[in-house]
Amino acid sequence: MLSASAVALSVSATFTALMKHLHRIGAVSDPAEQEIYSDALKMLEESQGGDESPVFEGARALILKQLRPDDGGAGRATTIY
């Protein structure tokens, strides 16, 4: 059976690869990417409930990093590795 961590890493890697590809082919604009990450943050916070696990805090920090376009490009999907 796969661990939750393995599943989370797999999903994260797949999402990052998808965002890179969509940018490369011009299918996702910068504003659309920001909307995607905003929606992801909202979904994460809604699913967290009362769980104060550091995993949620780490996931939130990574998403917030993508939402800051003024920090030298770290607002791009390519920085999630």
N, C-alpha and C. Protein backbone atom coordinates (compact mmCIF):
# COMPACT_ATOMS: atom_id res chain seq x y z
N MET A 1 0.84 -1.18 0.00
CA MET A 1 0.00 0.00 0.00
C MET A 1 0.89 1.25 0.00
N LEU A 2 0.50 2.24 -0.78
CA LEU A 2 1.25 3.49 -0.85
C LEU A 2 0.98 4.36 0.38
N SER A 3 2.02 5.03 0.82
CA SER A 3 1.83 5.97 1.93
C SER A 3 1.23 7.27 1.42
N ALA A 4 0.64 8.01 2.34
CA ALA A 4 0.07 9.30 1.97
C ALA A 4 1.16 10.24 1.45
N SER A 5 2.36 10.14 2.00
CA SER A 5 3.46 10.99 1.54
C SER A 5 3.84 10.67 0.10
N ALA A 6 3.88 9.39 -0.24
CA ALA A 6 4.22 8.99 -1.61
C ALA A 6 3.17 9.50 -2.59
N VAL A 7 1.92 9.40 -2.20
CA VAL A 7 0.83 9.88 -3.06
C VAL A 7 0.94 11.39 -3.23
N ALA A 8 1.18 12.11 -2.13
CA ALA A 8 1.29 13.57 -2.20
C ALA A 8 2.45 13.99 -3.08
N LEU A 9 3.59 13.33 -2.96
CA LEU A 9 4.74 13.68 -3.80
C LEU A 9 4.46 13.41 -5.26
N SER A 10 3.80 12.30 -5.54
CA SER A 10 3.46 11.96 -6.92
C SER A 10 2.51 13.00 -7.52
N VAL A 11 1.50 13.38 -6.77
CA VAL A 11 0.54 14.39 -7.25
C VAL A 11 1.24 15.73 -7.47
N SER A 12 2.09 16.11 -6.54
CA SER A 12 2.81 17.37 -6.66
C SER A 12 3.70 17.40 -7.90
N ALA A 13 4.44 16.32 -8.12
CA ALA A 13 5.33 16.25 -9.29
C ALA A 13 4.52 16.29 -10.58
N THR A 14 3.41 15.58 -10.61
CA THR A 14 2.57 15.56 -11.80
C THR A 14 1.97 16.93 -12.08
N PHE A 15 1.49 17.60 -11.02
CA PHE A 15 0.91 18.93 -11.18
C PHE A 15 1.96 19.92 -11.69
N THR A 16 3.16 19.86 -11.12
CA THR A 16 4.22 20.77 -11.54
C THR A 16 4.57 20.55 -13.01
N ALA A 17 4.69 19.29 -13.40
CA ALA A 17 4.98 18.98 -14.80
C ALA A 17 3.87 19.48 -15.72
N LEU A 18 2.63 19.32 -15.29
CA LEU A 18 1.50 19.79 -16.09
C LEU A 18 1.53 21.31 -16.24
N MET A 19 1.77 22.03 -15.15
CA MET A 19 1.82 23.49 -15.22
C MET A 19 2.97 23.95 -16.13
N LYS A 20 4.13 23.32 -16.03
CA LYS A 20 5.25 23.67 -16.91
C LYS A 20 4.87 23.46 -18.37
N HIS A 21 4.24 22.34 -18.66
CA HIS A 21 3.85 22.03 -20.03
C HIS A 21 2.82 23.04 -20.55
N LEU A 22 1.82 23.33 -19.73
CA LEU A 22 0.79 24.28 -20.16
C LEU A 22 1.37 25.67 -20.41
N HIS A 23 2.35 26.07 -19.61
CA HIS A 23 3.03 27.35 -19.87
C HIS A 23 3.83 27.29 -21.16
N ARG A 24 4.54 26.21 -21.35
CA ARG A 24 5.40 26.06 -22.53
C ARG A 24 4.60 26.14 -23.82
N ILE A 25 3.40 25.56 -23.83
CA ILE A 25 2.60 25.59 -25.06
C ILE A 25 1.66 26.80 -25.12
N GLY A 26 1.74 27.66 -24.11
CA GLY A 26 0.95 28.88 -24.11
C GLY A 26 -0.51 28.68 -23.75
N ALA A 27 -0.83 27.58 -23.09
CA ALA A 27 -2.23 27.30 -22.74
C ALA A 27 -2.66 27.94 -21.43
N VAL A 28 -1.70 28.39 -20.62
CA VAL A 28 -2.03 29.01 -19.33
C VAL A 28 -1.31 30.35 -19.23
N SER A 29 -2.09 31.39 -19.03
CA SER A 29 -1.51 32.72 -18.85
C SER A 29 -1.08 32.88 -17.39
N ASP A 30 -0.29 33.90 -17.12
CA ASP A 30 0.12 34.17 -15.75
C ASP A 30 -1.08 34.42 -14.84
N PRO A 31 -2.07 35.23 -15.27
CA PRO A 31 -3.24 35.43 -14.40
C PRO A 31 -4.01 34.11 -14.15
N ALA A 32 -4.11 33.28 -15.15
CA ALA A 32 -4.80 32.00 -14.97
C ALA A 32 -4.04 31.11 -14.00
N GLU A 33 -2.71 31.14 -14.09
CA GLU A 33 -1.90 30.34 -13.16
C GLU A 33 -2.12 30.81 -11.73
N GLN A 34 -2.17 32.12 -11.53
CA GLN A 34 -2.42 32.66 -10.19
C GLN A 34 -3.79 32.22 -9.67
N GLU A 35 -4.78 32.20 -10.55
CA GLU A 35 -6.11 31.74 -10.16
C GLU A 35 -6.09 30.26 -9.77
N ILE A 36 -5.34 29.46 -10.51
CA ILE A 36 -5.23 28.03 -10.20
C ILE A 36 -4.63 27.84 -8.81
N TYR A 37 -3.55 28.56 -8.52
CA TYR A 37 -2.92 28.42 -7.21
C TYR A 37 -3.81 28.97 -6.10
N SER A 38 -4.55 30.04 -6.36
CA SER A 38 -5.50 30.56 -5.37
C SER A 38 -6.58 29.53 -5.06
N ASP A 39 -7.09 28.89 -6.11
CA ASP A 39 -8.09 27.85 -5.91
C ASP A 39 -7.50 26.66 -5.15
N ALA A 40 -6.25 26.31 -5.44
CA ALA A 40 -5.60 25.20 -4.74
C ALA A 40 -5.47 25.52 -3.26
N LEU A 41 -5.10 26.76 -2.94
CA LEU A 41 -4.96 27.16 -1.55
C LEU A 41 -6.31 27.08 -0.83
N LYS A 42 -7.35 27.55 -1.49
CA LYS A 42 -8.69 27.49 -0.90
C LYS A 42 -9.10 26.04 -0.65
N MET A 43 -8.86 25.18 -1.62
CA MET A 43 -9.22 23.76 -1.47
C MET A 43 -8.43 23.12 -0.33
N LEU A 44 -7.16 23.44 -0.22
CA LEU A 44 -6.32 22.90 0.85
C LEU A 44 -6.87 23.33 2.21
N GLU A 45 -7.17 24.60 2.34
CA GLU A 45 -7.66 25.12 3.61
C GLU A 45 -9.02 24.54 3.97
N GLU A 46 -9.87 24.32 2.97
CA GLU A 46 -11.18 23.72 3.24
C GLU A 46 -11.04 22.25 3.65
N SER A 47 -10.08 21.55 3.08
CA SER A 47 -9.92 20.12 3.41
C SER A 47 -9.17 19.91 4.71
N GLN A 48 -8.45 20.93 5.17
CA GLN A 48 -7.65 20.80 6.39
C GLN A 48 -8.52 20.58 7.62
N GLY A 49 -9.66 21.24 7.67
CA GLY A 49 -10.50 21.14 8.86
C GLY A 49 -9.73 21.60 10.08
N GLY A 50 -9.75 20.81 11.14
CA GLY A 50 -9.05 21.16 12.36
C GLY A 50 -7.66 20.56 12.45
N ASP A 51 -7.20 19.93 11.38
CA ASP A 51 -5.88 19.29 11.38
C ASP A 51 -4.78 20.35 11.35
N GLU A 52 -3.97 20.39 12.38
CA GLU A 52 -2.88 21.37 12.46
C GLU A 52 -1.54 20.73 12.10
N SER A 53 -1.56 19.69 11.31
CA SER A 53 -0.36 18.97 10.91
C SER A 53 0.62 19.89 10.18
N PRO A 54 1.92 19.71 10.42
CA PRO A 54 2.92 20.49 9.69
C PRO A 54 2.86 20.24 8.18
N VAL A 55 2.28 19.14 7.77
CA VAL A 55 2.15 18.84 6.34
C VAL A 55 1.28 19.91 5.67
N PHE A 56 0.18 20.27 6.32
CA PHE A 56 -0.69 21.31 5.75
C PHE A 56 0.04 22.65 5.71
N GLU A 57 0.79 22.96 6.76
CA GLU A 57 1.53 24.22 6.79
C GLU A 57 2.56 24.27 5.67
N GLY A 58 3.26 23.16 5.44
CA GLY A 58 4.24 23.10 4.36
C GLY A 58 3.59 23.25 2.99
N ALA A 59 2.47 22.57 2.81
CA ALA A 59 1.75 22.67 1.53
C ALA A 59 1.26 24.10 1.31
N ARG A 60 0.75 24.71 2.35
CA ARG A 60 0.27 26.10 2.26
C ARG A 60 1.42 27.04 1.89
N ALA A 61 2.58 26.84 2.52
CA ALA A 61 3.74 27.69 2.24
C ALA A 61 4.17 27.57 0.78
N LEU A 62 4.16 26.36 0.24
CA LEU A 62 4.54 26.17 -1.16
C LEU A 62 3.57 26.85 -2.11
N ILE A 63 2.29 26.74 -1.82
CA ILE A 63 1.30 27.38 -2.68
C ILE A 63 1.42 28.90 -2.59
N LEU A 64 1.59 29.40 -1.38
CA LEU A 64 1.74 30.85 -1.22
C LEU A 64 2.96 31.38 -1.97
N LYS A 65 4.02 30.59 -2.01
CA LYS A 65 5.22 30.99 -2.75
C LYS A 65 4.89 31.16 -4.24
N GLN A 66 4.02 30.33 -4.76
CA GLN A 66 3.63 30.42 -6.17
C GLN A 66 2.77 31.65 -6.43
N LEU A 67 2.12 32.16 -5.40
CA LEU A 67 1.23 33.31 -5.55
C LEU A 67 1.95 34.64 -5.45
N ARG A 68 3.26 34.64 -5.23
CA ARG A 68 4.03 35.88 -5.09
C ARG A 68 4.85 36.12 -6.35
N PRO A 69 4.29 36.80 -7.34
CA PRO A 69 5.00 37.00 -8.59
C PRO A 69 6.14 38.02 -8.51
N ASP A 70 6.24 38.76 -7.41
CA ASP A 70 7.24 39.83 -7.32
C ASP A 70 8.54 39.40 -6.64
N ASP A 71 8.77 38.10 -6.49
CA ASP A 71 9.99 37.66 -5.81
C ASP A 71 10.97 36.97 -6.76
N GLY A 72 11.19 37.59 -7.90
CA GLY A 72 12.20 37.09 -8.82
C GLY A 72 11.79 35.85 -9.59
N GLY A 73 10.51 35.67 -9.83
CA GLY A 73 10.08 34.54 -10.63
C GLY A 73 9.66 33.34 -9.83
N ALA A 74 9.72 33.40 -8.50
CA ALA A 74 9.33 32.25 -7.71
C ALA A 74 7.83 32.00 -7.79
N GLY A 75 7.12 32.88 -8.45
CA GLY A 75 5.69 32.69 -8.64
C GLY A 75 5.37 31.76 -9.78
N ARG A 76 6.34 31.09 -10.31
CA ARG A 76 6.14 30.18 -11.42
C ARG A 76 6.04 28.75 -10.91
N ALA A 77 5.30 27.94 -11.63
CA ALA A 77 5.10 26.54 -11.22
C ALA A 77 6.40 25.77 -11.18
N THR A 78 7.40 26.23 -11.89
CA THR A 78 8.66 25.50 -11.96
C THR A 78 9.46 25.54 -10.66
N THR A 79 9.01 26.29 -9.66
CA THR A 79 9.79 26.41 -8.43
C THR A 79 9.34 25.47 -7.33
N ILE A 80 8.41 24.58 -7.59
CA ILE A 80 7.87 23.73 -6.54
C ILE A 80 8.77 22.53 -6.21
N TYR A 81 9.80 22.27 -6.91
CA TYR A 81 10.56 21.04 -6.69
C TYR A 81 11.01 20.87 -5.30
